[in-house]
Amino acid sequence: MHELSITRNIVAIVGEAAAGRPVRRITLEIGKLSGVMADAVRFCFDVVAEGTALQGAILEIREPEGRARCRECAAEFAIATLWAACRCGSRELDRLQGEELLVKTMELEEAA
């Protein structure tokens, strides 16, 4: 389960950026084509965040769908897998969305 190590890295990155201030909420984007299971990250988050600046933080995960543009006919469309084909039959696609793994936002407690 590589999601555990990914969650640890997310907590470390956000904790470092928070510079000791408690984190209230973080928003992640985990694309549906990223190979990362968002539910597994949710499952690991509270345990990994325990004892850190993220303990008790609300975790919001957005899961953008896959989107691609065909290099042959320029059609843009939703894709469910990395091996999708265009309706014209071409598999020469530029993936536009869906492979993300990003920390989009973090909300911190007010400084005392």
PDB file of N, CA and C in Angstrom:
ATOM      1  N   MET A   1       0.849  -1.177   0.000  1.00  0.00           N
ATOM      2  CA  MET A   1       0.000   0.000   0.000  1.00  0.00           C
ATOM      3  C   MET A   1       0.894   1.239   0.000  1.00  0.00           C
ATOM      4  N   HIS A   2       1.147   1.783  -1.172  1.00  0.00           N
ATOM      5  CA  HIS A   2       1.996   2.969  -1.241  1.00  0.00           C
ATOM      6  C   HIS A   2       1.276   4.227  -0.775  1.00  0.00           C
ATOM      7  N   GLU A   3      -0.028   4.154  -0.581  1.00  0.00           N
ATOM      8  CA  GLU A   3      -0.780   5.313  -0.112  1.00  0.00           C
ATOM      9  C   GLU A   3      -0.348   5.731   1.300  1.00  0.00           C
ATOM     10  N   LEU A   4       0.099   4.781   2.112  1.00  0.00           N
ATOM     11  CA  LEU A   4       0.585   5.117   3.452  1.00  0.00           C
ATOM     12  C   LEU A   4       1.810   6.018   3.355  1.00  0.00           C
ATOM     13  N   SER A   5       2.763   5.680   2.510  1.00  0.00           N
ATOM     14  CA  SER A   5       3.951   6.530   2.379  1.00  0.00           C
ATOM     15  C   SER A   5       3.607   7.856   1.702  1.00  0.00           C
ATOM     16  N   ILE A   6       2.671   7.846   0.780  1.00  0.00           N
ATOM     17  CA  ILE A   6       2.226   9.095   0.154  1.00  0.00           C
ATOM     18  C   ILE A   6       1.582   9.996   1.206  1.00  0.00           C
ATOM     19  N   THR A   7       0.742   9.425   2.056  1.00  0.00           N
ATOM     20  CA  THR A   7       0.090  10.207   3.113  1.00  0.00           C
ATOM     21  C   THR A   7       1.128  10.768   4.076  1.00  0.00           C
ATOM     22  N   ARG A   8       2.130   9.973   4.427  1.00  0.00           N
ATOM     23  CA  ARG A   8       3.209  10.468   5.300  1.00  0.00           C
ATOM     24  C   ARG A   8       3.915  11.661   4.657  1.00  0.00           C
ATOM     25  N   ASN A   9       4.180  11.562   3.370  1.00  0.00           N
ATOM     26  CA  ASN A   9       4.834  12.670   2.667  1.00  0.00           C
ATOM     27  C   ASN A   9       3.954  13.916   2.623  1.00  0.00           C
ATOM     28  N   ILE A  10       2.672  13.742   2.403  1.00  0.00           N
ATOM     29  CA  ILE A  10       1.746  14.881   2.391  1.00  0.00           C
ATOM     30  C   ILE A  10       1.750  15.563   3.752  1.00  0.00           C
ATOM     31  N   VAL A  11       1.650  14.781   4.822  1.00  0.00           N
ATOM     32  CA  VAL A  11       1.653  15.335   6.181  1.00  0.00           C
ATOM     33  C   VAL A  11       2.970  16.070   6.443  1.00  0.00           C
ATOM     34  N   ALA A  12       4.088  15.503   6.006  1.00  0.00           N
ATOM     35  CA  ALA A  12       5.385  16.154   6.209  1.00  0.00           C
ATOM     36  C   ALA A  12       5.480  17.471   5.435  1.00  0.00           C
ATOM     37  N   ILE A  13       5.032  17.467   4.190  1.00  0.00           N
ATOM     38  CA  ILE A  13       5.093  18.673   3.352  1.00  0.00           C
ATOM     39  C   ILE A  13       4.224  19.780   3.938  1.00  0.00           C
ATOM     40  N   VAL A  14       2.987  19.443   4.294  1.00  0.00           N
ATOM     41  CA  VAL A  14       2.077  20.447   4.841  1.00  0.00           C
ATOM     42  C   VAL A  14       2.562  20.908   6.208  1.00  0.00           C
ATOM     43  N   GLY A  15       3.045  19.978   7.036  1.00  0.00           N
ATOM     44  CA  GLY A  15       3.563  20.347   8.355  1.00  0.00           C
ATOM     45  C   GLY A  15       4.730  21.306   8.260  1.00  0.00           C
ATOM     46  N   GLU A  16       5.618  21.067   7.312  1.00  0.00           N
ATOM     47  CA  GLU A  16       6.760  21.968   7.116  1.00  0.00           C
ATOM     48  C   GLU A  16       6.290  23.345   6.651  1.00  0.00           C
ATOM     49  N   ALA A  17       5.360  23.377   5.725  1.00  0.00           N
ATOM     50  CA  ALA A  17       4.837  24.652   5.218  1.00  0.00           C
ATOM     51  C   ALA A  17       4.076  25.418   6.304  1.00  0.00           C
ATOM     52  N   ALA A  18       3.457  24.701   7.233  1.00  0.00           N
ATOM     53  CA  ALA A  18       2.702  25.343   8.310  1.00  0.00           C
ATOM     54  C   ALA A  18       3.619  25.962   9.351  1.00  0.00           C
ATOM     55  N   ALA A  19       4.873  25.572   9.370  1.00  0.00           N
ATOM     56  CA  ALA A  19       5.884  26.144  10.268  1.00  0.00           C
ATOM     57  C   ALA A  19       5.428  26.145  11.730  1.00  0.00           C
ATOM     58  N   GLY A  20       4.876  25.025  12.172  1.00  0.00           N
ATOM     59  CA  GLY A  20       4.488  24.891  13.573  1.00  0.00           C
ATOM     60  C   GLY A  20       3.084  25.335  13.908  1.00  0.00           C
ATOM     61  N   ARG A  21       2.424  26.027  13.000  1.00  0.00           N
ATOM     62  CA  ARG A  21       1.046  26.451  13.259  1.00  0.00           C
ATOM     63  C   ARG A  21       0.109  25.284  13.018  1.00  0.00           C
ATOM     64  N   PRO A  22      -0.918  25.133  13.859  1.00  0.00           N
ATOM     65  CA  PRO A  22      -1.874  24.042  13.651  1.00  0.00           C
ATOM     66  C   PRO A  22      -2.635  24.208  12.331  1.00  0.00           C
ATOM     67  N   VAL A  23      -2.857  23.096  11.661  1.00  0.00           N
ATOM     68  CA  VAL A  23      -3.561  23.090  10.380  1.00  0.00           C
ATOM     69  C   VAL A  23      -5.014  22.701  10.629  1.00  0.00           C
ATOM     70  N   ARG A  24      -5.940  23.496  10.124  1.00  0.00           N
ATOM     71  CA  ARG A  24      -7.380  23.217  10.275  1.00  0.00           C
ATOM     72  C   ARG A  24      -7.907  22.308   9.173  1.00  0.00           C
ATOM     73  N   ARG A  25      -7.470  22.561   7.964  1.00  0.00           N
ATOM     74  CA  ARG A  25      -8.029  21.853   6.804  1.00  0.00           C
ATOM     75  C   ARG A  25      -6.967  21.807   5.708  1.00  0.00           C
ATOM     76  N   ILE A  26      -6.954  20.699   4.982  1.00  0.00           N
ATOM     77  CA  ILE A  26      -6.145  20.637   3.764  1.00  0.00           C
ATOM     78  C   ILE A  26      -7.017  20.078   2.644  1.00  0.00           C
ATOM     79  N   THR A  27      -6.753  20.559   1.461  1.00  0.00           N
ATOM     80  CA  THR A  27      -7.457  20.091   0.271  1.00  0.00           C
ATOM     81  C   THR A  27      -6.437  19.484  -0.674  1.00  0.00           C
ATOM     82  N   LEU A  28      -6.693  18.248  -1.069  1.00  0.00           N
ATOM     83  CA  LEU A  28      -5.838  17.539  -2.015  1.00  0.00           C
ATOM     84  C   LEU A  28      -6.591  17.332  -3.312  1.00  0.00           C
ATOM     85  N   GLU A  29      -5.846  17.265  -4.413  1.00  0.00           N
ATOM     86  CA  GLU A  29      -6.391  16.799  -5.689  1.00  0.00           C
ATOM     87  C   GLU A  29      -5.670  15.505  -6.012  1.00  0.00           C
ATOM     88  N   ILE A  30      -6.444  14.442  -6.120  1.00  0.00           N
ATOM     89  CA  ILE A  30      -5.901  13.138  -6.483  1.00  0.00           C
ATOM     90  C   ILE A  30      -6.661  12.688  -7.724  1.00  0.00           C
ATOM     91  N   GLY A  31      -6.032  12.839  -8.866  1.00  0.00           N
ATOM     92  CA  GLY A  31      -6.672  12.504 -10.134  1.00  0.00           C
ATOM     93  C   GLY A  31      -7.012  11.023 -10.224  1.00  0.00           C
ATOM     94  N   LYS A  32      -8.093  10.737 -10.897  1.00  0.00           N
ATOM     95  CA  LYS A  32      -8.556   9.351 -11.026  1.00  0.00           C
ATOM     96  C   LYS A  32      -7.600   8.478 -11.835  1.00  0.00           C
ATOM     97  N   LEU A  33      -6.675   9.081 -12.568  1.00  0.00           N
ATOM     98  CA  LEU A  33      -5.692   8.327 -13.338  1.00  0.00           C
ATOM     99  C   LEU A  33      -4.324   8.311 -12.658  1.00  0.00           C
ATOM    100  N   SER A  34      -4.239   8.835 -11.442  1.00  0.00           N
ATOM    101  CA  SER A  34      -2.948   8.992 -10.764  1.00  0.00           C
ATOM    102  C   SER A  34      -2.375   7.681 -10.235  1.00  0.00           C
ATOM    103  N   GLY A  35      -3.216   6.676 -10.073  1.00  0.00           N
ATOM    104  CA  GLY A  35      -2.753   5.428  -9.478  1.00  0.00           C
ATOM    105  C   GLY A  35      -2.773   5.450  -7.971  1.00  0.00           C
ATOM    106  N   VAL A  36      -3.279   6.532  -7.385  1.00  0.00           N
ATOM    107  CA  VAL A  36      -3.371   6.670  -5.934  1.00  0.00           C
ATOM    108  C   VAL A  36      -4.835   6.526  -5.539  1.00  0.00           C
ATOM    109  N   MET A  37      -5.091   5.655  -4.569  1.00  0.00           N
ATOM    110  CA  MET A  37      -6.461   5.426  -4.110  1.00  0.00           C
ATOM    111  C   MET A  37      -6.817   6.465  -3.046  1.00  0.00           C
ATOM    112  N   ALA A  38      -7.717   7.384  -3.399  1.00  0.00           N
ATOM    113  CA  ALA A  38      -8.106   8.457  -2.486  1.00  0.00           C
ATOM    114  C   ALA A  38      -8.670   7.898  -1.179  1.00  0.00           C
ATOM    115  N   ASP A  39      -9.455   6.832  -1.243  1.00  0.00           N
ATOM    116  CA  ASP A  39     -10.023   6.246  -0.028  1.00  0.00           C
ATOM    117  C   ASP A  39      -8.934   5.727   0.904  1.00  0.00           C
ATOM    118  N   ALA A  40      -7.855   5.193   0.356  1.00  0.00           N
ATOM    119  CA  ALA A  40      -6.750   4.707   1.180  1.00  0.00           C
ATOM    120  C   ALA A  40      -6.028   5.878   1.852  1.00  0.00           C
ATOM    121  N   VAL A  41      -5.875   6.996   1.153  1.00  0.00           N
ATOM    122  CA  VAL A  41      -5.267   8.190   1.754  1.00  0.00           C
ATOM    123  C   VAL A  41      -6.153   8.683   2.893  1.00  0.00           C
ATOM    124  N   ARG A  42      -7.468   8.720   2.672  1.00  0.00           N
ATOM    125  CA  ARG A  42      -8.408   9.118   3.738  1.00  0.00           C
ATOM    126  C   ARG A  42      -8.260   8.206   4.951  1.00  0.00           C
ATOM    127  N   PHE A  43      -8.170   6.908   4.699  1.00  0.00           N
ATOM    128  CA  PHE A  43      -8.064   5.915   5.760  1.00  0.00           C
ATOM    129  C   PHE A  43      -6.789   6.132   6.592  1.00  0.00           C
ATOM    130  N   CYS A  44      -5.679   6.444   5.932  1.00  0.00           N
ATOM    131  CA  CYS A  44      -4.387   6.607   6.609  1.00  0.00           C
ATOM    132  C   CYS A  44      -4.218   7.964   7.285  1.00  0.00           C
ATOM    133  N   PHE A  45      -4.937   8.973   6.830  1.00  0.00           N
ATOM    134  CA  PHE A  45      -4.648  10.352   7.209  1.00  0.00           C
ATOM    135  C   PHE A  45      -4.662  10.590   8.714  1.00  0.00           C
ATOM    136  N   ASP A  46      -5.718  10.221   9.411  1.00  0.00           N
ATOM    137  CA  ASP A  46      -5.820  10.531  10.839  1.00  0.00           C
ATOM    138  C   ASP A  46      -4.703   9.882  11.647  1.00  0.00           C
ATOM    139  N   VAL A  47      -4.358   8.655  11.301  1.00  0.00           N
ATOM    140  CA  VAL A  47      -3.287   7.955  12.023  1.00  0.00           C
ATOM    141  C   VAL A  47      -1.940   8.620  11.764  1.00  0.00           C
ATOM    142  N   VAL A  48      -1.663   8.949  10.509  1.00  0.00           N
ATOM    143  CA  VAL A  48      -0.391   9.568  10.148  1.00  0.00           C
ATOM    144  C   VAL A  48      -0.283  10.978  10.722  1.00  0.00           C
ATOM    145  N   ALA A  49      -1.392  11.700  10.776  1.00  0.00           N
ATOM    146  CA  ALA A  49      -1.380  13.085  11.261  1.00  0.00           C
ATOM    147  C   ALA A  49      -1.296  13.189  12.782  1.00  0.00           C
ATOM    148  N   GLU A  50      -1.558  12.103  13.482  1.00  0.00           N
ATOM    149  CA  GLU A  50      -1.539  12.137  14.944  1.00  0.00           C
ATOM    150  C   GLU A  50      -0.180  12.610  15.455  1.00  0.00           C
ATOM    151  N   GLY A  51      -0.221  13.584  16.377  1.00  0.00           N
ATOM    152  CA  GLY A  51       1.001  14.118  16.968  1.00  0.00           C
ATOM    153  C   GLY A  51       1.710  15.157  16.114  1.00  0.00           C
ATOM    154  N   THR A  52       1.091  15.571  15.000  1.00  0.00           N
ATOM    155  CA  THR A  52       1.683  16.583  14.118  1.00  0.00           C
ATOM    156  C   THR A  52       0.798  17.827  14.107  1.00  0.00           C
ATOM    157  N   ALA A  53       1.227  18.837  13.391  1.00  0.00           N
ATOM    158  CA  ALA A  53       0.432  20.060  13.241  1.00  0.00           C
ATOM    159  C   ALA A  53      -0.883  19.798  12.522  1.00  0.00           C
ATOM    160  N   LEU A  54      -1.017  18.643  11.878  1.00  0.00           N
ATOM    161  CA  LEU A  54      -2.228  18.311  11.134  1.00  0.00           C
ATOM    162  C   LEU A  54      -3.230  17.500  11.946  1.00  0.00           C
ATOM    163  N   GLN A  55      -2.883  17.163  13.176  1.00  0.00           N
ATOM    164  CA  GLN A  55      -3.795  16.367  13.994  1.00  0.00           C
ATOM    165  C   GLN A  55      -5.130  17.103  14.127  1.00  0.00           C
ATOM    166  N   GLY A  56      -6.201  16.415  13.813  1.00  0.00           N
ATOM    167  CA  GLY A  56      -7.536  16.994  13.892  1.00  0.00           C
ATOM    168  C   GLY A  56      -7.949  17.793  12.670  1.00  0.00           C
ATOM    169  N   ALA A  57      -7.059  17.930  11.703  1.00  0.00           N
ATOM    170  CA  ALA A  57      -7.385  18.699  10.498  1.00  0.00           C
ATOM    171  C   ALA A  57      -8.429  17.957   9.670  1.00  0.00           C
ATOM    172  N   ILE A  58      -9.240  18.719   8.966  1.00  0.00           N
ATOM    173  CA  ILE A  58     -10.211  18.156   8.032  1.00  0.00           C
ATOM    174  C   ILE A  58      -9.499  17.924   6.710  1.00  0.00           C
ATOM    175  N   LEU A  59      -9.658  16.740   6.177  1.00  0.00           N
ATOM    176  CA  LEU A  59      -9.058  16.389   4.894  1.00  0.00           C
ATOM    177  C   LEU A  59     -10.145  16.380   3.832  1.00  0.00           C
ATOM    178  N   GLU A  60      -9.969  17.210   2.821  1.00  0.00           N
ATOM    179  CA  GLU A  60     -10.884  17.234   1.675  1.00  0.00           C
ATOM    180  C   GLU A  60     -10.109  16.754   0.461  1.00  0.00           C
ATOM    181  N   ILE A  61     -10.685  15.804  -0.251  1.00  0.00           N
ATOM    182  CA  ILE A  61     -10.026  15.275  -1.449  1.00  0.00           C
ATOM    183  C   ILE A  61     -10.940  15.460  -2.648  1.00  0.00           C
ATOM    184  N   ARG A  62     -10.421  16.122  -3.654  1.00  0.00           N
ATOM    185  CA  ARG A  62     -11.117  16.253  -4.934  1.00  0.00           C
ATOM    186  C   ARG A  62     -10.486  15.252  -5.890  1.00  0.00           C
ATOM    187  N   GLU A  63     -11.318  14.623  -6.711  1.00  0.00           N
ATOM    188  CA  GLU A  63     -10.836  13.595  -7.631  1.00  0.00           C
ATOM    189  C   GLU A  63     -11.195  13.954  -9.073  1.00  0.00           C
ATOM    190  N   PRO A  64     -10.344  14.760  -9.723  1.00  0.00           N
ATOM    191  CA  PRO A  64     -10.642  15.128 -11.115  1.00  0.00           C
ATOM    192  C   PRO A  64     -10.661  13.910 -12.025  1.00  0.00           C
ATOM    193  N   GLU A  65     -11.604  13.902 -12.950  1.00  0.00           N
ATOM    194  CA  GLU A  65     -11.687  12.814 -13.931  1.00  0.00           C
ATOM    195  C   GLU A  65     -10.541  12.940 -14.926  1.00  0.00           C
ATOM    196  N   GLY A  66     -10.282  11.880 -15.633  1.00  0.00           N
ATOM    197  CA  GLY A  66      -9.290  11.918 -16.692  1.00  0.00           C
ATOM    198  C   GLY A  66      -9.842  12.621 -17.920  1.00  0.00           C
ATOM    199  N   ARG A  67      -8.999  13.430 -18.558  1.00  0.00           N
ATOM    200  CA  ARG A  67      -9.371  14.100 -19.799  1.00  0.00           C
ATOM    201  C   ARG A  67      -8.164  14.040 -20.727  1.00  0.00           C
ATOM    202  N   ALA A  68      -8.440  13.931 -22.006  1.00  0.00           N
ATOM    203  CA  ALA A  68      -7.364  13.839 -22.997  1.00  0.00           C
ATOM    204  C   ALA A  68      -7.763  14.553 -24.284  1.00  0.00           C
ATOM    205  N   ARG A  69      -6.741  14.860 -25.082  1.00  0.00           N
ATOM    206  CA  ARG A  69      -6.947  15.436 -26.411  1.00  0.00           C
ATOM    207  C   ARG A  69      -6.231  14.531 -27.410  1.00  0.00           C
ATOM    208  N   CYS A  70      -6.932  14.196 -28.463  1.00  0.00           N
ATOM    209  CA  CYS A  70      -6.396  13.320 -29.514  1.00  0.00           C
ATOM    210  C   CYS A  70      -5.423  14.112 -30.392  1.00  0.00           C
ATOM    211  N   ARG A  71      -4.262  13.546 -30.648  1.00  0.00           N
ATOM    212  CA  ARG A  71      -3.275  14.189 -31.527  1.00  0.00           C
ATOM    213  C   ARG A  71      -3.671  14.083 -33.002  1.00  0.00           C
ATOM    214  N   GLU A  72      -4.533  13.138 -33.332  1.00  0.00           N
ATOM    215  CA  GLU A  72      -4.945  12.935 -34.729  1.00  0.00           C
ATOM    216  C   GLU A  72      -6.084  13.857 -35.136  1.00  0.00           C
ATOM    217  N   CYS A  73      -7.158  13.876 -34.317  1.00  0.00           N
ATOM    218  CA  CYS A  73      -8.352  14.635 -34.722  1.00  0.00           C
ATOM    219  C   CYS A  73      -8.644  15.838 -33.820  1.00  0.00           C
ATOM    220  N   ALA A  74      -7.851  16.036 -32.771  1.00  0.00           N
ATOM    221  CA  ALA A  74      -7.965  17.164 -31.836  1.00  0.00           C
ATOM    222  C   ALA A  74      -9.204  17.112 -30.942  1.00  0.00           C
ATOM    223  N   ALA A  75      -9.917  15.985 -30.936  1.00  0.00           N
ATOM    224  CA  ALA A  75     -11.069  15.860 -30.035  1.00  0.00           C
ATOM    225  C   ALA A  75     -10.591  15.833 -28.589  1.00  0.00           C
ATOM    226  N   GLU A  76     -11.350  16.478 -27.721  1.00  0.00           N
ATOM    227  CA  GLU A  76     -11.076  16.455 -26.280  1.00  0.00           C
ATOM    228  C   GLU A  76     -12.207  15.685 -25.616  1.00  0.00           C
ATOM    229  N   PHE A  77     -11.870  14.781 -24.716  1.00  0.00           N
ATOM    230  CA  PHE A  77     -12.893  13.910 -24.134  1.00  0.00           C
ATOM    231  C   PHE A  77     -12.432  13.326 -22.808  1.00  0.00           C
ATOM    232  N   ALA A  78     -13.404  12.801 -22.040  1.00  0.00           N
ATOM    233  CA  ALA A  78     -13.128  12.144 -20.763  1.00  0.00           C
ATOM    234  C   ALA A  78     -12.558  10.756 -21.026  1.00  0.00           C
ATOM    235  N   ILE A  79     -11.598  10.362 -20.196  1.00  0.00           N
ATOM    236  CA  ILE A  79     -11.039   9.008 -20.282  1.00  0.00           C
ATOM    237  C   ILE A  79     -11.065   8.381 -18.895  1.00  0.00           C
ATOM    238  N   ALA A  80     -11.299   7.084 -18.855  1.00  0.00           N
ATOM    239  CA  ALA A  80     -11.367   6.367 -17.583  1.00  0.00           C
ATOM    240  C   ALA A  80     -10.097   5.585 -17.284  1.00  0.00           C
ATOM    241  N   THR A  81      -9.259   5.374 -18.301  1.00  0.00           N
ATOM    242  CA  THR A  81      -8.012   4.632 -18.108  1.00  0.00           C
ATOM    243  C   THR A  81      -6.886   5.322 -18.867  1.00  0.00           C
ATOM    244  N   LEU A  82      -5.665   4.959 -18.522  1.00  0.00           N
ATOM    245  CA  LEU A  82      -4.507   5.506 -19.228  1.00  0.00           C
ATOM    246  C   LEU A  82      -4.390   4.966 -20.647  1.00  0.00           C
ATOM    247  N   TRP A  83      -5.082   3.873 -20.945  1.00  0.00           N
ATOM    248  CA  TRP A  83      -4.974   3.206 -22.247  1.00  0.00           C
ATOM    249  C   TRP A  83      -6.194   3.451 -23.129  1.00  0.00           C
ATOM    250  N   ALA A  84      -6.885   4.523 -22.894  1.00  0.00           N
ATOM    251  CA  ALA A  84      -8.087   4.835 -23.665  1.00  0.00           C
ATOM    252  C   ALA A  84      -7.721   5.166 -25.110  1.00  0.00           C
ATOM    253  N   ALA A  85      -8.715   5.045 -25.962  1.00  0.00           N
ATOM    254  CA  ALA A  85      -8.560   5.417 -27.373  1.00  0.00           C
ATOM    255  C   ALA A  85      -9.614   6.462 -27.719  1.00  0.00           C
ATOM    256  N   CYS A  86      -9.295   7.283 -28.675  1.00  0.00           N
ATOM    257  CA  CYS A  86     -10.241   8.263 -29.192  1.00  0.00           C
ATOM    258  C   CYS A  86     -11.296   7.542 -30.024  1.00  0.00           C
ATOM    259  N   ARG A  87     -12.416   8.195 -30.247  1.00  0.00           N
ATOM    260  CA  ARG A  87     -13.461   7.591 -31.087  1.00  0.00           C
ATOM    261  C   ARG A  87     -12.991   7.449 -32.539  1.00  0.00           C
ATOM    262  N   CYS A  88     -11.934   8.203 -32.922  1.00  0.00           N
ATOM    263  CA  CYS A  88     -11.379   8.044 -34.269  1.00  0.00           C
ATOM    264  C   CYS A  88     -10.463   6.822 -34.353  1.00  0.00           C
ATOM    265  N   GLY A  89     -10.192   6.183 -33.200  1.00  0.00           N
ATOM    266  CA  GLY A  89      -9.366   4.984 -33.162  1.00  0.00           C
ATOM    267  C   GLY A  89      -7.926   5.219 -32.730  1.00  0.00           C
ATOM    268  N   SER A  90      -7.508   6.455 -32.690  1.00  0.00           N
ATOM    269  CA  SER A  90      -6.131   6.763 -32.325  1.00  0.00           C
ATOM    270  C   SER A  90      -5.902   6.594 -30.816  1.00  0.00           C
ATOM    271  N   ARG A  91      -4.735   6.116 -30.473  1.00  0.00           N
ATOM    272  CA  ARG A  91      -4.309   6.052 -29.074  1.00  0.00           C
ATOM    273  C   ARG A  91      -3.220   7.098 -28.799  1.00  0.00           C
ATOM    274  N   GLU A  92      -2.996   7.977 -29.757  1.00  0.00           N
ATOM    275  CA  GLU A  92      -2.031   9.071 -29.601  1.00  0.00           C
ATOM    276  C   GLU A  92      -2.739  10.229 -28.909  1.00  0.00           C
ATOM    277  N   LEU A  93      -2.699  10.202 -27.573  1.00  0.00           N
ATOM    278  CA  LEU A  93      -3.438  11.175 -26.780  1.00  0.00           C
ATOM    279  C   LEU A  93      -2.496  11.986 -25.908  1.00  0.00           C
ATOM    280  N   ASP A  94      -2.850  13.226 -25.706  1.00  0.00           N
ATOM    281  CA  ASP A  94      -2.202  14.054 -24.696  1.00  0.00           C
ATOM    282  C   ASP A  94      -3.145  14.093 -23.505  1.00  0.00           C
ATOM    283  N   ARG A  95      -2.694  13.562 -22.380  1.00  0.00           N
ATOM    284  CA  ARG A  95      -3.520  13.591 -21.174  1.00  0.00           C
ATOM    285  C   ARG A  95      -3.493  15.001 -20.601  1.00  0.00           C
ATOM    286  N   LEU A  96      -4.668  15.554 -20.365  1.00  0.00           N
ATOM    287  CA  LEU A  96      -4.813  16.925 -19.901  1.00  0.00           C
ATOM    288  C   LEU A  96      -5.088  17.019 -18.405  1.00  0.00           C
ATOM    289  N   GLN A  97      -5.694  15.983 -17.869  1.00  0.00           N
ATOM    290  CA  GLN A  97      -6.157  16.035 -16.480  1.00  0.00           C
ATOM    291  C   GLN A  97      -6.344  14.614 -15.980  1.00  0.00           C
ATOM    292  N   GLY A  98      -6.200  14.446 -14.671  1.00  0.00           N
ATOM    293  CA  GLY A  98      -6.510  13.167 -14.059  1.00  0.00           C
ATOM    294  C   GLY A  98      -5.324  12.471 -13.425  1.00  0.00           C
ATOM    295  N   GLU A  99      -4.106  12.954 -13.683  1.00  0.00           N
ATOM    296  CA  GLU A  99      -2.924  12.336 -13.106  1.00  0.00           C
ATOM    297  C   GLU A  99      -2.382  13.122 -11.912  1.00  0.00           C
ATOM    298  N   GLU A 100      -3.126  14.127 -11.458  1.00  0.00           N
ATOM    299  CA  GLU A 100      -2.666  15.011 -10.412  1.00  0.00           C
ATOM    300  C   GLU A 100      -2.529  14.305  -9.063  1.00  0.00           C
ATOM    301  N   LEU A 101      -1.580  14.778  -8.285  1.00  0.00           N
ATOM    302  CA  LEU A 101      -1.478  14.490  -6.859  1.00  0.00           C
ATOM    303  C   LEU A 101      -0.919  15.767  -6.252  1.00  0.00           C
ATOM    304  N   LEU A 102      -1.824  16.644  -5.832  1.00  0.00           N
ATOM    305  CA  LEU A 102      -1.454  17.996  -5.416  1.00  0.00           C
ATOM    306  C   LEU A 102      -2.038  18.356  -4.059  1.00  0.00           C
ATOM    307  N   VAL A 103      -1.268  19.105  -3.286  1.00  0.00           N
ATOM    308  CA  VAL A 103      -1.822  19.793  -2.130  1.00  0.00           C
ATOM    309  C   VAL A 103      -2.302  21.141  -2.670  1.00  0.00           C
ATOM    310  N   LYS A 104      -3.617  21.308  -2.755  1.00  0.00           N
ATOM    311  CA  LYS A 104      -4.184  22.530  -3.355  1.00  0.00           C
ATOM    312  C   LYS A 104      -4.234  23.675  -2.357  1.00  0.00           C
ATOM    313  N   THR A 105      -4.750  23.406  -1.165  1.00  0.00           N
ATOM    314  CA  THR A 105      -4.865  24.459  -0.159  1.00  0.00           C
ATOM    315  C   THR A 105      -4.628  23.882   1.227  1.00  0.00           C
ATOM    316  N   MET A 106      -4.256  24.781   2.134  1.00  0.00           N
ATOM    317  CA  MET A 106      -4.208  24.434   3.548  1.00  0.00           C
ATOM    318  C   MET A 106      -4.691  25.646   4.333  1.00  0.00           C
ATOM    319  N   GLU A 107      -5.464  25.376   5.350  1.00  0.00           N
ATOM    320  CA  GLU A 107      -6.008  26.436   6.194  1.00  0.00           C
ATOM    321  C   GLU A 107      -5.372  26.290   7.567  1.00  0.00           C
ATOM    322  N   LEU A 108      -4.758  27.367   8.047  1.00  0.00           N
ATOM    323  CA  LEU A 108      -4.045  27.347   9.315  1.00  0.00           C
ATOM    324  C   LEU A 108      -4.814  28.070  10.408  1.00  0.00           C
ATOM    325  N   GLU A 109      -4.508  27.720  11.657  1.00  0.00           N
ATOM    326  CA  GLU A 109      -5.049  28.453  12.806  1.00  0.00           C
ATOM    327  C   GLU A 109      -4.427  29.848  12.797  1.00  0.00           C
ATOM    328  N   GLU A 110      -5.166  30.802  13.330  1.00  0.00           N
ATOM    329  CA  GLU A 110      -4.630  32.158  13.476  1.00  0.00           C
ATOM    330  C   GLU A 110      -3.477  32.144  14.468  1.00  0.00           C
ATOM    331  N   ALA A 111      -2.459  32.936  14.192  1.00  0.00           N
ATOM    332  CA  ALA A 111      -1.333  33.050  15.116  1.00  0.00           C
ATOM    333  C   ALA A 111      -1.783  33.794  16.371  1.00  0.00           C
ATOM    334  N   ALA A 112      -1.318  33.332  17.507  1.00  0.00           N
ATOM    335  CA  ALA A 112      -1.732  33.950  18.795  1.00  0.00           C
ATOM    336  C   ALA A 112      -1.080  35.286  18.992  1.00  0.00           C
TER     337      ALA A 112
END
